[in-house]
Each structure stands twice: as structure tokens, then as C-alpha cells.
Amino acid sequence: MIFRRTVLKQDLAIKLYPQSSNINAAMQLLRKEIKLSPEFNNKLELLTRNKRAHYYTHKELEVILEHFCISQEEFELL
């Protein structure tokens, strides 16, 4: 299975945190998760070119899914 080149940050946050009341809450939870794990944060920092972008690249998405122990197939089903 092949990922799209990019995925919107909001779309990913909603998929990872479906219990969130809205998009902003889901984004806050994702940011908090990234901030609380120094190893996870460092991996993303090394891959991130544009910190203000509204999307994650393929490589960033792979790191995020690895952190959450989600396979590509499981991600497509979310």
C-alpha cells in the first residue's frame, strides 16, 4: 500500500483522536503527544522542512504512524 504524498494535519489528527470533540481539540492532543516525547519530536524535527505547513509529508507520516504503532493498512481503514 502506498501513501499519498501529503496528508492534512487536521485529517490525521481526527483519525488518530476520533473521540475528540472537534478538530482543534484533536490538533492539541497531537501537538501535546509530539511535545511530550523527545525522541518522537526529534525524528519529526529532522524531517520537517516547513513547520508552518498545513500538511505532513510521506516521511513525517511514517514516523507518526510508527510512534502510534499503526500500520499503513490500519491507517487507510481509519
C-alpha atoms as a PDB file:
ATOM      1  CA  MET A   1       0.000   0.000   0.000  1.00  0.00           C
ATOM      2  CA  ILE A   2       1.364   3.429  -0.926  1.00  0.00           C
ATOM      3  CA  PHE A   3       0.718   6.643   0.976  1.00  0.00           C
ATOM      4  CA  ARG A   4      -0.343   9.836  -0.682  1.00  0.00           C
ATOM      5  CA  ARG A   5       2.497  12.367  -0.874  1.00  0.00           C
ATOM      6  CA  THR A   6       0.962  14.506   1.849  1.00  0.00           C
ATOM      7  CA  VAL A   7      -1.828  14.329   4.405  1.00  0.00           C
ATOM      8  CA  LEU A   8      -3.503  17.317   6.030  1.00  0.00           C
ATOM      9  CA  LYS A   9      -2.561  17.678   9.692  1.00  0.00           C
ATOM     10  CA  GLN A  10      -6.210  18.143  10.672  1.00  0.00           C
ATOM     11  CA  ASP A  11      -7.279  14.995   8.819  1.00  0.00           C
ATOM     12  CA  LEU A  12      -4.582  12.974  10.557  1.00  0.00           C
ATOM     13  CA  ALA A  13      -5.440  14.377  13.994  1.00  0.00           C
ATOM     14  CA  ILE A  14      -9.117  13.479  13.568  1.00  0.00           C
ATOM     15  CA  LYS A  15      -8.166   9.933  12.530  1.00  0.00           C
ATOM     16  CA  LEU A  16      -5.800   9.491  15.480  1.00  0.00           C
ATOM     17  CA  TYR A  17      -8.168  11.049  18.030  1.00  0.00           C
ATOM     18  CA  PRO A  18     -11.731  10.244  16.885  1.00  0.00           C
ATOM     19  CA  GLN A  19     -13.072  10.780  20.417  1.00  0.00           C
ATOM     20  CA  SER A  20     -12.135  14.491  20.260  1.00  0.00           C
ATOM     21  CA  SER A  21     -14.996  16.939  20.306  1.00  0.00           C
ATOM     22  CA  ASN A  22     -13.645  18.956  17.366  1.00  0.00           C
ATOM     23  CA  ILE A  23     -10.638  19.464  15.068  1.00  0.00           C
ATOM     24  CA  ASN A  24      -8.933  21.938  17.397  1.00  0.00           C
ATOM     25  CA  ALA A  25      -9.057  19.519  20.317  1.00  0.00           C
ATOM     26  CA  ALA A  26      -7.639  16.731  18.147  1.00  0.00           C
ATOM     27  CA  MET A  27      -4.824  19.003  16.938  1.00  0.00           C
ATOM     28  CA  GLN A  28      -3.998  19.974  20.529  1.00  0.00           C
ATOM     29  CA  LEU A  29      -3.781  16.308  21.521  1.00  0.00           C
ATOM     30  CA  LEU A  30      -1.465  15.546  18.599  1.00  0.00           C
ATOM     31  CA  ARG A  31       0.775  18.535  19.388  1.00  0.00           C
ATOM     32  CA  LYS A  32       0.870  17.505  23.049  1.00  0.00           C
ATOM     33  CA  GLU A  33       1.858  13.932  22.119  1.00  0.00           C
ATOM     34  CA  ILE A  34       4.680  15.234  19.917  1.00  0.00           C
ATOM     35  CA  LYS A  35       5.884  17.643  22.601  1.00  0.00           C
ATOM     36  CA  LEU A  36       5.851  15.048  25.411  1.00  0.00           C
ATOM     37  CA  SER A  37       8.049  12.552  23.572  1.00  0.00           C
ATOM     38  CA  PRO A  38      11.536  13.976  22.916  1.00  0.00           C
ATOM     39  CA  GLU A  39      12.517  11.081  20.622  1.00  0.00           C
ATOM     40  CA  PHE A  40       9.337  11.453  18.568  1.00  0.00           C
ATOM     41  CA  ASN A  41       9.781  15.228  18.436  1.00  0.00           C
ATOM     42  CA  ASN A  42      13.416  14.920  17.287  1.00  0.00           C
ATOM     43  CA  LYS A  43      12.522  12.488  14.498  1.00  0.00           C
ATOM     44  CA  LEU A  44       9.882  14.875  13.185  1.00  0.00           C
ATOM     45  CA  GLU A  45      12.190  17.895  13.518  1.00  0.00           C
ATOM     46  CA  LEU A  46      14.777  16.195  11.317  1.00  0.00           C
ATOM     47  CA  LEU A  47      12.201  15.607   8.567  1.00  0.00           C
ATOM     48  CA  THR A  48      10.231  18.855   8.746  1.00  0.00           C
ATOM     49  CA  ARG A  49      11.133  21.480   6.161  1.00  0.00           C
ATOM     50  CA  ASN A  50       8.241  23.869   6.605  1.00  0.00           C
ATOM     51  CA  LYS A  51       6.982  23.986  10.178  1.00  0.00           C
ATOM     52  CA  ARG A  52       4.052  26.207   9.214  1.00  0.00           C
ATOM     53  CA  ALA A  53       2.721  23.837   6.551  1.00  0.00           C
ATOM     54  CA  HIS A  54      -0.809  22.503   6.952  1.00  0.00           C
ATOM     55  CA  TYR A  55       0.210  19.003   5.944  1.00  0.00           C
ATOM     56  CA  TYR A  56       2.605  16.173   6.845  1.00  0.00           C
ATOM     57  CA  THR A  57       4.849  14.667   4.200  1.00  0.00           C
ATOM     58  CA  HIS A  58       5.051  10.957   3.472  1.00  0.00           C
ATOM     59  CA  LYS A  59       8.164  10.551   5.650  1.00  0.00           C
ATOM     60  CA  GLU A  60       6.662  12.511   8.547  1.00  0.00           C
ATOM     61  CA  LEU A  61       3.517  10.404   8.331  1.00  0.00           C
ATOM     62  CA  GLU A  62       5.584   7.215   8.515  1.00  0.00           C
ATOM     63  CA  VAL A  63       7.276   8.449  11.726  1.00  0.00           C
ATOM     64  CA  ILE A  64       3.935   9.421  13.273  1.00  0.00           C
ATOM     65  CA  LEU A  65       2.300   6.098  12.460  1.00  0.00           C
ATOM     66  CA  GLU A  66       5.346   4.233  13.782  1.00  0.00           C
ATOM     67  CA  HIS A  67       5.056   6.176  17.055  1.00  0.00           C
ATOM     68  CA  PHE A  68       1.376   5.264  17.375  1.00  0.00           C
ATOM     69  CA  CYS A  69       2.052   1.634  16.294  1.00  0.00           C
ATOM     70  CA  ILE A  70      -0.306   1.915  13.325  1.00  0.00           C
ATOM     71  CA  SER A  71       0.419   0.101  10.069  1.00  0.00           C
ATOM     72  CA  GLN A  72      -0.233   1.602   6.642  1.00  0.00           C
ATOM     73  CA  GLU A  73      -3.172  -0.741   6.170  1.00  0.00           C
ATOM     74  CA  GLU A  74      -4.704   0.227   9.523  1.00  0.00           C
ATOM     75  CA  PHE A  75      -4.256   3.911   8.683  1.00  0.00           C
ATOM     76  CA  GLU A  76      -6.177   3.507   5.428  1.00  0.00           C
ATOM     77  CA  LEU A  77      -9.046   1.926   7.371  1.00  0.00           C
ATOM     78  CA  LEU A  78      -9.275   4.753   9.910  1.00  0.00           C
END
